[in-house]
């Protein structure tokens, strides 16, 4: 199958009742931890669980962190136009279910999506009720330390992720909000304050 850098199929109507909160972060930025804590709060948020062909990590649960599928299954879903957006990052496919997003919007849900920079910007162009939030750290050295502490990344993978992180961090000025994640509790509170600006 011919690999494309990114391909996004965005909902074209603008009648959504809720907001789309799109969160981006380089690997090691702490996004997953922050989102996990934020989603425990009663903020009327629904998390969009992505499909992926990436190998499942030990702590991950299918249907909670991701829907894990084979590459052939993912490609068939592309053919059937089942994704709102999909992409290939670090050799793995990631995609957002069109059907699930549409159902949540119809229910008036405010949806949190975890997308890369390009996907976030494309969605913002198409939907004015999209709020972009970038989670970052003060330096690539901090990111590198966090990636190494995972002890699940090869040296090659770490370097690839750092190179990508440098490119992603250059787009922060295009985001509506930027959270510098130095302390989880502080970052979670800042994230909640951002959400409440739009929902209250």
N, C-alpha and C. Protein backbone atom coordinates (compact mmCIF):
# COMPACT_ATOMS: atom_id res chain seq x y z
N UNK A 1 0.85 -1.19 0.00
CA UNK A 1 0.00 0.00 0.00
C UNK A 1 0.88 1.24 0.00
N UNK A 2 0.60 2.17 -0.89
CA UNK A 2 1.41 3.37 -0.99
C UNK A 2 1.26 4.20 0.27
N UNK A 3 2.39 4.59 0.85
CA UNK A 3 2.36 5.36 2.10
C UNK A 3 2.24 6.84 1.80
N UNK A 4 1.32 7.49 2.45
CA UNK A 4 1.15 8.92 2.35
C UNK A 4 1.54 9.53 3.69
N UNK A 5 2.05 10.73 3.68
CA UNK A 5 2.47 11.37 4.93
C UNK A 5 1.27 11.54 5.86
N UNK A 6 0.20 12.08 5.35
CA UNK A 6 -1.02 12.24 6.14
C UNK A 6 -2.20 12.33 5.19
N UNK A 7 -3.34 11.85 5.65
CA UNK A 7 -4.56 12.02 4.87
C UNK A 7 -5.70 12.24 5.85
N UNK A 8 -6.34 13.38 5.73
CA UNK A 8 -7.39 13.71 6.66
C UNK A 8 -8.71 13.89 5.92
N UNK A 9 -9.73 13.24 6.42
CA UNK A 9 -11.07 13.40 5.90
C UNK A 9 -11.89 14.01 7.03
N UNK A 10 -12.21 15.28 6.92
CA UNK A 10 -12.78 16.03 8.01
C UNK A 10 -14.29 16.20 7.83
N UNK A 11 -15.01 16.17 8.93
CA UNK A 11 -16.44 16.45 8.87
C UNK A 11 -16.65 17.83 8.27
N UNK A 12 -17.53 17.95 7.31
CA UNK A 12 -17.68 19.21 6.60
C UNK A 12 -18.75 20.12 7.19
N UNK A 13 -19.72 19.57 7.94
CA UNK A 13 -20.77 20.44 8.45
C UNK A 13 -20.28 21.19 9.67
N UNK A 14 -20.93 22.30 9.98
CA UNK A 14 -20.51 23.15 11.10
C UNK A 14 -21.62 23.28 12.13
N UNK A 15 -22.45 22.23 12.27
CA UNK A 15 -23.58 22.29 13.17
C UNK A 15 -23.31 21.55 14.48
N UNK A 16 -22.07 21.22 14.77
CA UNK A 16 -21.74 20.50 15.98
C UNK A 16 -22.13 21.32 17.20
N UNK A 17 -22.69 20.68 18.18
CA UNK A 17 -23.11 21.36 19.39
C UNK A 17 -21.95 21.55 20.36
N UNK A 18 -21.05 20.60 20.38
CA UNK A 18 -19.96 20.65 21.34
C UNK A 18 -18.68 21.20 20.73
N UNK A 19 -17.66 21.24 21.58
CA UNK A 19 -16.33 21.66 21.13
C UNK A 19 -15.46 20.43 20.87
N UNK A 20 -14.51 20.60 19.98
CA UNK A 20 -13.49 19.59 19.74
C UNK A 20 -12.19 20.12 20.34
N UNK A 21 -11.75 19.52 21.42
CA UNK A 21 -10.50 19.92 22.06
C UNK A 21 -9.40 18.98 21.56
N UNK A 22 -8.54 19.51 20.70
CA UNK A 22 -7.49 18.70 20.09
C UNK A 22 -6.17 18.93 20.82
N UNK A 23 -5.61 17.85 21.33
CA UNK A 23 -4.39 17.94 22.13
C UNK A 23 -3.22 17.31 21.36
N UNK A 24 -2.12 18.04 21.30
CA UNK A 24 -0.91 17.55 20.64
C UNK A 24 0.26 17.68 21.61
N UNK A 25 1.25 16.83 21.40
CA UNK A 25 2.44 16.88 22.24
C UNK A 25 3.52 16.00 21.64
N UNK A 26 4.78 16.38 21.77
CA UNK A 26 5.85 15.47 21.34
C UNK A 26 5.91 14.28 22.29
N UNK A 27 6.49 13.19 21.83
CA UNK A 27 6.66 12.01 22.68
C UNK A 27 7.45 12.37 23.93
N UNK A 28 6.92 12.01 25.09
CA UNK A 28 7.59 12.34 26.33
C UNK A 28 7.11 13.63 26.95
N UNK A 29 6.13 14.26 26.31
CA UNK A 29 5.62 15.54 26.81
C UNK A 29 4.68 15.40 28.00
N UNK A 30 4.21 14.19 28.26
CA UNK A 30 3.33 13.97 29.40
C UNK A 30 1.86 14.07 29.08
N UNK A 31 1.54 14.07 27.80
CA UNK A 31 0.15 14.24 27.37
C UNK A 31 -0.78 13.16 27.92
N UNK A 32 -0.36 11.91 27.83
CA UNK A 32 -1.22 10.81 28.26
C UNK A 32 -1.57 10.90 29.74
N UNK A 33 -0.58 11.24 30.56
CA UNK A 33 -0.81 11.36 32.00
C UNK A 33 -1.76 12.50 32.31
N UNK A 34 -1.58 13.63 31.65
CA UNK A 34 -2.44 14.79 31.87
C UNK A 34 -3.87 14.48 31.45
N UNK A 35 -4.03 13.88 30.28
CA UNK A 35 -5.38 13.56 29.80
C UNK A 35 -6.07 12.56 30.72
N UNK A 36 -5.33 11.60 31.21
CA UNK A 36 -5.91 10.60 32.11
C UNK A 36 -6.47 11.27 33.36
N UNK A 37 -5.73 12.24 33.90
CA UNK A 37 -6.19 12.94 35.10
C UNK A 37 -7.36 13.87 34.79
N UNK A 38 -7.29 14.58 33.68
CA UNK A 38 -8.35 15.51 33.31
C UNK A 38 -9.67 14.79 33.07
N UNK A 39 -9.61 13.63 32.44
CA UNK A 39 -10.82 12.90 32.10
C UNK A 39 -11.48 12.27 33.33
N UNK A 40 -10.80 12.27 34.45
CA UNK A 40 -11.41 11.79 35.70
C UNK A 40 -12.35 12.85 36.27
N UNK A 41 -12.18 14.09 35.82
CA UNK A 41 -12.98 15.19 36.34
C UNK A 41 -14.34 15.24 35.64
N UNK A 42 -15.31 15.85 36.31
CA UNK A 42 -16.65 15.98 35.74
C UNK A 42 -16.71 17.24 34.88
N UNK A 43 -16.17 17.13 33.68
CA UNK A 43 -16.08 18.29 32.78
C UNK A 43 -16.91 18.12 31.52
N UNK A 44 -17.75 17.09 31.47
CA UNK A 44 -18.57 16.81 30.28
C UNK A 44 -17.69 16.62 29.04
N UNK A 45 -16.64 15.83 29.21
CA UNK A 45 -15.73 15.55 28.10
C UNK A 45 -15.80 14.08 27.72
N UNK A 46 -15.74 13.83 26.43
CA UNK A 46 -15.71 12.46 25.92
C UNK A 46 -14.41 12.28 25.14
N UNK A 47 -13.64 11.26 25.50
CA UNK A 47 -12.35 11.05 24.85
C UNK A 47 -12.50 10.19 23.61
N UNK A 48 -11.92 10.65 22.53
CA UNK A 48 -11.94 9.90 21.28
C UNK A 48 -10.79 8.90 21.28
N UNK A 49 -11.11 7.61 21.34
CA UNK A 49 -10.10 6.56 21.35
C UNK A 49 -9.72 6.21 19.92
N UNK A 50 -8.45 6.35 19.61
CA UNK A 50 -7.98 6.11 18.25
C UNK A 50 -7.75 4.63 17.98
N UNK A 51 -7.80 4.28 16.70
CA UNK A 51 -7.39 2.95 16.25
C UNK A 51 -5.91 3.03 15.89
N UNK A 52 -5.18 1.97 16.14
CA UNK A 52 -3.76 1.97 15.78
C UNK A 52 -3.26 0.57 15.46
N UNK A 53 -2.22 0.53 14.65
CA UNK A 53 -1.54 -0.74 14.35
C UNK A 53 -0.28 -0.88 15.20
N UNK A 54 -0.03 0.11 16.07
CA UNK A 54 1.16 0.07 16.93
C UNK A 54 1.08 -1.10 17.90
N UNK A 55 2.23 -1.63 18.26
CA UNK A 55 2.29 -2.71 19.23
C UNK A 55 1.77 -2.24 20.58
N UNK A 56 0.94 -3.04 21.19
CA UNK A 56 0.36 -2.70 22.48
C UNK A 56 1.41 -2.78 23.59
N UNK A 57 1.51 -1.72 24.40
CA UNK A 57 2.45 -1.71 25.51
C UNK A 57 1.86 -2.47 26.70
N UNK A 58 2.71 -2.87 27.61
CA UNK A 58 2.30 -3.73 28.73
C UNK A 58 1.16 -3.15 29.54
N UNK A 59 1.18 -1.84 29.77
CA UNK A 59 0.19 -1.21 30.64
C UNK A 59 -1.10 -0.83 29.90
N UNK A 60 -1.11 -0.95 28.59
CA UNK A 60 -2.25 -0.49 27.80
C UNK A 60 -3.36 -1.52 27.71
N UNK A 61 -4.60 -1.02 27.68
CA UNK A 61 -5.77 -1.87 27.56
C UNK A 61 -6.46 -1.58 26.23
N UNK A 62 -6.80 -2.63 25.51
CA UNK A 62 -7.51 -2.47 24.25
C UNK A 62 -8.89 -1.89 24.52
N UNK A 63 -9.23 -0.79 23.82
CA UNK A 63 -10.52 -0.16 24.03
C UNK A 63 -10.50 0.94 25.06
N UNK A 64 -9.38 1.08 25.78
CA UNK A 64 -9.23 2.15 26.76
C UNK A 64 -8.19 3.16 26.29
N UNK A 65 -7.01 2.67 25.95
CA UNK A 65 -5.95 3.55 25.46
C UNK A 65 -6.03 3.69 23.94
N UNK A 66 -6.21 2.58 23.26
CA UNK A 66 -6.39 2.53 21.81
C UNK A 66 -7.25 1.32 21.47
N UNK A 67 -7.73 1.31 20.22
CA UNK A 67 -8.27 0.09 19.65
C UNK A 67 -7.13 -0.48 18.80
N UNK A 68 -6.57 -1.60 19.20
CA UNK A 68 -5.43 -2.18 18.50
C UNK A 68 -5.92 -3.13 17.41
N UNK A 69 -5.48 -2.85 16.18
CA UNK A 69 -5.89 -3.66 15.03
C UNK A 69 -4.67 -3.99 14.18
N UNK A 70 -4.82 -4.96 13.30
CA UNK A 70 -3.73 -5.31 12.39
C UNK A 70 -3.66 -4.29 11.25
N UNK A 71 -2.56 -4.29 10.54
CA UNK A 71 -2.41 -3.36 9.42
C UNK A 71 -3.43 -3.65 8.33
N UNK A 72 -3.72 -4.91 8.08
CA UNK A 72 -4.71 -5.25 7.05
C UNK A 72 -6.10 -4.78 7.46
N UNK A 73 -6.42 -4.89 8.75
CA UNK A 73 -7.72 -4.41 9.23
C UNK A 73 -7.81 -2.90 9.09
N UNK A 74 -6.72 -2.22 9.41
CA UNK A 74 -6.70 -0.76 9.31
C UNK A 74 -6.88 -0.32 7.86
N UNK A 75 -6.18 -0.97 6.97
CA UNK A 75 -6.26 -0.62 5.55
C UNK A 75 -7.67 -0.83 5.02
N UNK A 76 -8.34 -1.87 5.48
CA UNK A 76 -9.72 -2.12 5.06
C UNK A 76 -10.64 -1.01 5.58
N UNK A 77 -10.39 -0.52 6.77
CA UNK A 77 -11.18 0.58 7.32
C UNK A 77 -10.97 1.86 6.52
N UNK A 78 -9.76 2.05 6.01
CA UNK A 78 -9.49 3.21 5.14
C UNK A 78 -10.32 3.10 3.87
N UNK A 79 -10.32 1.92 3.27
CA UNK A 79 -11.08 1.67 2.04
C UNK A 79 -12.56 1.95 2.26
N UNK A 80 -13.06 1.57 3.44
CA UNK A 80 -14.47 1.74 3.76
C UNK A 80 -14.79 3.16 4.26
N UNK A 81 -13.82 4.05 4.22
CA UNK A 81 -13.99 5.45 4.63
C UNK A 81 -14.50 5.56 6.07
N UNK A 82 -13.96 4.75 6.95
CA UNK A 82 -14.41 4.72 8.34
C UNK A 82 -13.69 5.73 9.24
N UNK A 83 -12.69 6.42 8.70
CA UNK A 83 -11.92 7.34 9.54
C UNK A 83 -12.24 8.80 9.26
N UNK A 84 -12.37 9.55 10.34
CA UNK A 84 -12.45 11.01 10.24
C UNK A 84 -11.10 11.54 9.80
N UNK A 85 -10.06 10.94 10.33
CA UNK A 85 -8.69 11.25 9.92
C UNK A 85 -7.83 10.02 10.21
N UNK A 86 -6.78 9.88 9.42
CA UNK A 86 -5.82 8.82 9.70
C UNK A 86 -4.45 9.26 9.21
N UNK A 87 -3.43 8.64 9.77
CA UNK A 87 -2.07 8.99 9.39
C UNK A 87 -1.12 7.84 9.72
N UNK A 88 0.10 7.98 9.26
CA UNK A 88 1.14 7.01 9.58
C UNK A 88 2.29 7.74 10.24
N UNK A 89 2.60 7.36 11.48
CA UNK A 89 3.65 8.01 12.26
C UNK A 89 4.60 6.95 12.81
N UNK A 90 5.89 7.15 12.60
CA UNK A 90 6.90 6.19 13.08
C UNK A 90 6.60 4.77 12.62
N UNK A 91 6.04 4.65 11.40
CA UNK A 91 5.79 3.33 10.84
C UNK A 91 4.49 2.68 11.27
N UNK A 92 3.70 3.37 12.09
CA UNK A 92 2.43 2.82 12.57
C UNK A 92 1.26 3.69 12.14
N UNK A 93 0.13 3.06 11.86
CA UNK A 93 -1.07 3.79 11.49
C UNK A 93 -1.86 4.20 12.73
N UNK A 94 -2.47 5.39 12.65
CA UNK A 94 -3.37 5.88 13.70
C UNK A 94 -4.59 6.49 13.00
N UNK A 95 -5.76 6.27 13.55
CA UNK A 95 -6.95 6.82 12.92
C UNK A 95 -8.07 7.07 13.92
N UNK A 96 -8.93 8.05 13.59
CA UNK A 96 -10.08 8.40 14.43
C UNK A 96 -11.36 7.97 13.75
N UNK A 97 -12.20 7.26 14.47
CA UNK A 97 -13.45 6.74 13.92
C UNK A 97 -14.43 7.86 13.59
N UNK A 98 -14.83 7.93 12.34
CA UNK A 98 -15.81 8.92 11.91
C UNK A 98 -17.15 8.70 12.62
N UNK A 99 -17.58 7.45 12.65
CA UNK A 99 -18.88 7.10 13.23
C UNK A 99 -18.96 7.49 14.70
N UNK A 100 -17.91 7.22 15.46
CA UNK A 100 -17.93 7.51 16.89
C UNK A 100 -17.95 9.01 17.16
N UNK A 101 -17.19 9.78 16.38
CA UNK A 101 -17.17 11.23 16.56
C UNK A 101 -18.54 11.81 16.23
N UNK A 102 -19.13 11.39 15.12
CA UNK A 102 -20.44 11.90 14.72
C UNK A 102 -21.49 11.60 15.79
N UNK A 103 -21.44 10.40 16.35
CA UNK A 103 -22.42 10.01 17.37
C UNK A 103 -22.27 10.88 18.62
N UNK A 104 -21.02 11.14 19.01
CA UNK A 104 -20.79 11.96 20.20
C UNK A 104 -21.23 13.40 19.98
N UNK A 105 -20.97 13.93 18.80
CA UNK A 105 -21.38 15.30 18.50
C UNK A 105 -22.89 15.43 18.50
N UNK A 106 -23.58 14.44 17.99
CA UNK A 106 -25.03 14.46 17.96
C UNK A 106 -25.62 14.47 19.37
N UNK A 107 -24.88 13.91 20.31
CA UNK A 107 -25.32 13.88 21.71
C UNK A 107 -24.92 15.15 22.46
N UNK A 108 -24.30 16.09 21.75
CA UNK A 108 -23.87 17.33 22.38
C UNK A 108 -22.63 17.20 23.22
N UNK A 109 -21.85 16.15 22.99
CA UNK A 109 -20.63 15.92 23.76
C UNK A 109 -19.52 16.88 23.33
N UNK A 110 -18.68 17.23 24.28
CA UNK A 110 -17.44 17.94 23.98
C UNK A 110 -16.34 16.88 23.92
N UNK A 111 -15.64 16.83 22.81
CA UNK A 111 -14.75 15.70 22.54
C UNK A 111 -13.28 16.11 22.63
N UNK A 112 -12.50 15.26 23.28
CA UNK A 112 -11.05 15.44 23.35
C UNK A 112 -10.41 14.48 22.36
N UNK A 113 -9.60 15.02 21.45
CA UNK A 113 -8.89 14.20 20.47
C UNK A 113 -7.39 14.36 20.64
N UNK A 114 -6.69 13.29 20.49
CA UNK A 114 -5.23 13.26 20.56
C UNK A 114 -4.71 13.14 19.13
N UNK A 115 -4.26 14.27 18.56
CA UNK A 115 -3.80 14.28 17.17
C UNK A 115 -2.42 14.90 17.05
N UNK A 116 -1.74 14.58 15.96
CA UNK A 116 -0.45 15.21 15.71
C UNK A 116 -0.69 16.63 15.19
N UNK A 117 0.37 17.38 15.01
CA UNK A 117 0.28 18.79 14.63
C UNK A 117 -0.48 18.99 13.33
N UNK A 118 -0.13 18.24 12.30
CA UNK A 118 -0.77 18.43 11.00
C UNK A 118 -2.27 18.15 11.09
N UNK A 119 -2.64 17.08 11.76
CA UNK A 119 -4.05 16.75 11.90
C UNK A 119 -4.81 17.80 12.67
N UNK A 120 -4.19 18.33 13.72
CA UNK A 120 -4.82 19.37 14.53
C UNK A 120 -5.09 20.62 13.71
N UNK A 121 -4.12 21.05 12.94
CA UNK A 121 -4.27 22.27 12.14
C UNK A 121 -5.30 22.10 11.04
N UNK A 122 -5.36 20.92 10.44
CA UNK A 122 -6.34 20.65 9.40
C UNK A 122 -7.75 20.69 9.98
N UNK A 123 -7.93 20.10 11.16
CA UNK A 123 -9.24 20.08 11.79
C UNK A 123 -9.68 21.49 12.18
N UNK A 124 -8.74 22.29 12.63
CA UNK A 124 -9.02 23.68 13.00
C UNK A 124 -9.52 24.47 11.80
N UNK A 125 -8.95 24.21 10.63
CA UNK A 125 -9.35 24.91 9.42
C UNK A 125 -10.80 24.61 9.05
N UNK A 126 -11.23 23.39 9.29
CA UNK A 126 -12.55 22.94 8.87
C UNK A 126 -13.64 23.18 9.91
N UNK A 127 -13.28 23.23 11.17
CA UNK A 127 -14.28 23.34 12.22
C UNK A 127 -13.93 24.48 13.17
N UNK A 128 -14.69 25.57 13.16
CA UNK A 128 -14.38 26.73 14.00
C UNK A 128 -14.51 26.46 15.50
N UNK A 129 -15.17 25.36 15.86
CA UNK A 129 -15.33 25.04 17.28
C UNK A 129 -14.24 24.08 17.76
N UNK A 130 -13.12 24.12 17.07
CA UNK A 130 -11.97 23.32 17.45
C UNK A 130 -11.00 24.17 18.28
N UNK A 131 -10.61 23.66 19.42
CA UNK A 131 -9.67 24.35 20.30
C UNK A 131 -8.37 23.54 20.33
N UNK A 132 -7.27 24.17 19.97
CA UNK A 132 -5.98 23.48 19.91
C UNK A 132 -5.16 23.72 21.17
N UNK A 133 -4.73 22.62 21.79
CA UNK A 133 -3.93 22.69 23.02
C UNK A 133 -2.64 21.91 22.81
N UNK A 134 -1.51 22.57 22.99
CA UNK A 134 -0.21 21.91 22.82
C UNK A 134 0.45 21.75 24.18
N UNK A 135 0.87 20.53 24.49
CA UNK A 135 1.58 20.25 25.74
C UNK A 135 3.05 20.05 25.42
N UNK A 136 3.90 20.83 26.07
CA UNK A 136 5.32 20.80 25.75
C UNK A 136 6.16 20.84 27.02
N UNK A 137 7.44 20.81 26.85
CA UNK A 137 8.39 20.99 27.96
C UNK A 137 9.41 22.04 27.52
N UNK A 138 10.26 22.45 28.44
CA UNK A 138 11.15 23.57 28.15
C UNK A 138 12.31 23.24 27.23
N UNK A 139 12.65 21.94 27.10
CA UNK A 139 13.80 21.60 26.26
C UNK A 139 13.71 20.18 25.73
N UNK A 140 14.43 19.93 24.65
CA UNK A 140 14.50 18.59 24.09
C UNK A 140 15.26 17.64 25.02
N UNK A 141 16.14 18.20 25.85
CA UNK A 141 16.89 17.37 26.80
C UNK A 141 15.94 16.69 27.79
N UNK A 142 14.91 17.42 28.22
CA UNK A 142 13.93 16.85 29.14
C UNK A 142 13.15 15.74 28.45
N UNK A 143 12.78 15.98 27.20
CA UNK A 143 12.07 14.95 26.44
C UNK A 143 12.93 13.70 26.29
N UNK A 144 14.20 13.91 25.98
CA UNK A 144 15.10 12.77 25.80
C UNK A 144 15.20 11.95 27.09
N UNK A 145 15.31 12.63 28.21
CA UNK A 145 15.41 11.93 29.50
C UNK A 145 14.16 11.11 29.77
N UNK A 146 13.00 11.67 29.44
CA UNK A 146 11.75 10.95 29.67
C UNK A 146 11.63 9.74 28.75
N UNK A 147 12.05 9.89 27.52
CA UNK A 147 12.00 8.77 26.58
C UNK A 147 12.92 7.65 27.03
N UNK A 148 14.09 8.01 27.52
CA UNK A 148 15.04 6.99 27.97
C UNK A 148 14.53 6.29 29.23
N UNK A 149 13.81 7.02 30.06
CA UNK A 149 13.28 6.43 31.29
C UNK A 149 12.19 5.40 31.01
N UNK A 150 11.58 5.47 29.84
CA UNK A 150 10.57 4.48 29.47
C UNK A 150 11.18 3.09 29.36
N UNK A 151 12.44 3.06 28.93
CA UNK A 151 13.18 1.81 28.74
C UNK A 151 12.47 0.86 27.77
N UNK A 152 11.71 1.45 26.87
CA UNK A 152 11.01 0.64 25.87
C UNK A 152 11.35 1.10 24.45
N UNK A 153 12.25 2.09 24.37
CA UNK A 153 12.61 2.68 23.08
C UNK A 153 14.05 2.32 22.71
N UNK A 154 14.25 2.00 21.44
CA UNK A 154 15.61 1.78 20.96
C UNK A 154 16.28 3.13 20.74
N UNK A 155 17.59 3.14 20.61
CA UNK A 155 18.31 4.39 20.38
C UNK A 155 17.83 5.05 19.08
N UNK A 156 17.61 4.23 18.07
CA UNK A 156 17.13 4.76 16.79
C UNK A 156 15.77 5.41 16.95
N UNK A 157 14.88 4.76 17.68
CA UNK A 157 13.54 5.29 17.89
C UNK A 157 13.58 6.60 18.67
N UNK A 158 14.44 6.66 19.67
CA UNK A 158 14.57 7.88 20.46
C UNK A 158 15.00 9.05 19.59
N UNK A 159 15.99 8.83 18.72
CA UNK A 159 16.47 9.90 17.86
C UNK A 159 15.40 10.35 16.86
N UNK A 160 14.64 9.39 16.34
CA UNK A 160 13.55 9.73 15.42
C UNK A 160 12.50 10.57 16.13
N UNK A 161 12.14 10.18 17.34
CA UNK A 161 11.13 10.91 18.11
C UNK A 161 11.61 12.32 18.47
N UNK A 162 12.88 12.46 18.79
CA UNK A 162 13.42 13.77 19.12
C UNK A 162 13.44 14.69 17.90
N UNK A 163 13.79 14.13 16.77
CA UNK A 163 13.80 14.92 15.53
C UNK A 163 12.39 15.40 15.20
N UNK A 164 11.42 14.50 15.37
CA UNK A 164 10.02 14.87 15.11
C UNK A 164 9.54 15.91 16.14
N UNK A 165 9.96 15.74 17.38
CA UNK A 165 9.56 16.66 18.44
C UNK A 165 10.01 18.09 18.14
N UNK A 166 11.23 18.23 17.64
CA UNK A 166 11.75 19.56 17.32
C UNK A 166 10.89 20.23 16.26
N UNK A 167 10.42 19.46 15.28
CA UNK A 167 9.57 20.01 14.23
C UNK A 167 8.19 20.38 14.79
N UNK A 168 7.66 19.52 15.65
CA UNK A 168 6.33 19.77 16.22
C UNK A 168 6.33 21.01 17.11
N UNK A 169 7.37 21.18 17.89
CA UNK A 169 7.43 22.31 18.82
C UNK A 169 7.53 23.64 18.09
N UNK A 170 7.91 23.62 16.84
CA UNK A 170 7.99 24.84 16.04
C UNK A 170 6.60 25.36 15.67
N UNK A 171 5.57 24.55 15.87
CA UNK A 171 4.21 24.93 15.50
C UNK A 171 3.39 25.45 16.68
N UNK A 172 4.00 25.58 17.85
CA UNK A 172 3.22 25.95 19.03
C UNK A 172 2.49 27.29 18.88
N UNK A 173 3.07 28.22 18.12
CA UNK A 173 2.44 29.53 17.96
C UNK A 173 1.11 29.45 17.23
N UNK A 174 0.85 28.35 16.54
CA UNK A 174 -0.40 28.18 15.82
C UNK A 174 -1.50 27.59 16.71
N UNK A 175 -1.15 27.25 17.93
CA UNK A 175 -2.11 26.66 18.86
C UNK A 175 -2.79 27.74 19.70
N UNK A 176 -4.02 27.45 20.12
CA UNK A 176 -4.77 28.40 20.94
C UNK A 176 -4.19 28.49 22.35
N UNK A 177 -3.69 27.37 22.85
CA UNK A 177 -3.15 27.32 24.21
C UNK A 177 -1.92 26.42 24.23
N UNK A 178 -0.93 26.80 25.02
CA UNK A 178 0.28 25.99 25.20
C UNK A 178 0.50 25.78 26.69
N UNK A 179 0.65 24.52 27.08
CA UNK A 179 0.92 24.18 28.47
C UNK A 179 2.34 23.64 28.57
N UNK A 180 3.17 24.30 29.39
CA UNK A 180 4.52 23.79 29.62
C UNK A 180 4.46 22.82 30.80
N UNK A 181 4.63 21.56 30.52
CA UNK A 181 4.42 20.52 31.52
C UNK A 181 5.68 20.23 32.33
N UNK A 182 5.82 20.93 33.44
CA UNK A 182 6.94 20.69 34.35
C UNK A 182 6.47 19.92 35.58
N UNK A 183 5.23 20.21 36.02
CA UNK A 183 4.63 19.51 37.15
C UNK A 183 3.24 19.05 36.73
N UNK A 184 2.96 17.76 36.87
CA UNK A 184 1.70 17.19 36.40
C UNK A 184 0.49 17.89 37.02
N UNK A 185 0.49 18.05 38.33
CA UNK A 185 -0.67 18.64 39.00
C UNK A 185 -0.96 20.05 38.48
N UNK A 186 0.08 20.84 38.33
CA UNK A 186 -0.08 22.20 37.82
C UNK A 186 -0.59 22.18 36.38
N UNK A 187 -0.07 21.28 35.57
CA UNK A 187 -0.49 21.19 34.17
C UNK A 187 -1.94 20.74 34.05
N UNK A 188 -2.34 19.80 34.91
CA UNK A 188 -3.73 19.33 34.90
C UNK A 188 -4.68 20.48 35.25
N UNK A 189 -4.33 21.26 36.25
CA UNK A 189 -5.16 22.41 36.64
C UNK A 189 -5.24 23.44 35.52
N UNK A 190 -4.13 23.66 34.85
CA UNK A 190 -4.12 24.61 33.73
C UNK A 190 -5.00 24.11 32.59
N UNK A 191 -4.94 22.81 32.34
CA UNK A 191 -5.77 22.21 31.29
C UNK A 191 -7.24 22.39 31.64
N UNK A 192 -7.61 22.14 32.88
CA UNK A 192 -9.00 22.28 33.33
C UNK A 192 -9.47 23.72 33.18
N UNK A 193 -8.62 24.67 33.50
CA UNK A 193 -8.97 26.08 33.37
C UNK A 193 -9.27 26.44 31.92
N UNK A 194 -8.47 25.88 31.01
CA UNK A 194 -8.69 26.12 29.58
C UNK A 194 -10.05 25.57 29.16
N UNK A 195 -10.34 24.34 29.55
CA UNK A 195 -11.62 23.72 29.20
C UNK A 195 -12.78 24.55 29.72
N UNK A 196 -12.69 24.98 30.96
CA UNK A 196 -13.78 25.74 31.58
C UNK A 196 -14.02 27.09 30.92
N UNK A 197 -13.00 27.64 30.28
CA UNK A 197 -13.17 28.90 29.55
C UNK A 197 -14.22 28.76 28.45
N UNK A 198 -14.28 27.57 27.87
CA UNK A 198 -15.17 27.34 26.74
C UNK A 198 -16.51 26.73 27.15
N UNK A 199 -16.53 26.00 28.23
CA UNK A 199 -17.75 25.29 28.61
C UNK A 199 -18.61 26.05 29.61
N UNK A 200 -18.04 27.06 30.27
CA UNK A 200 -18.82 27.81 31.26
C UNK A 200 -19.22 29.18 30.74
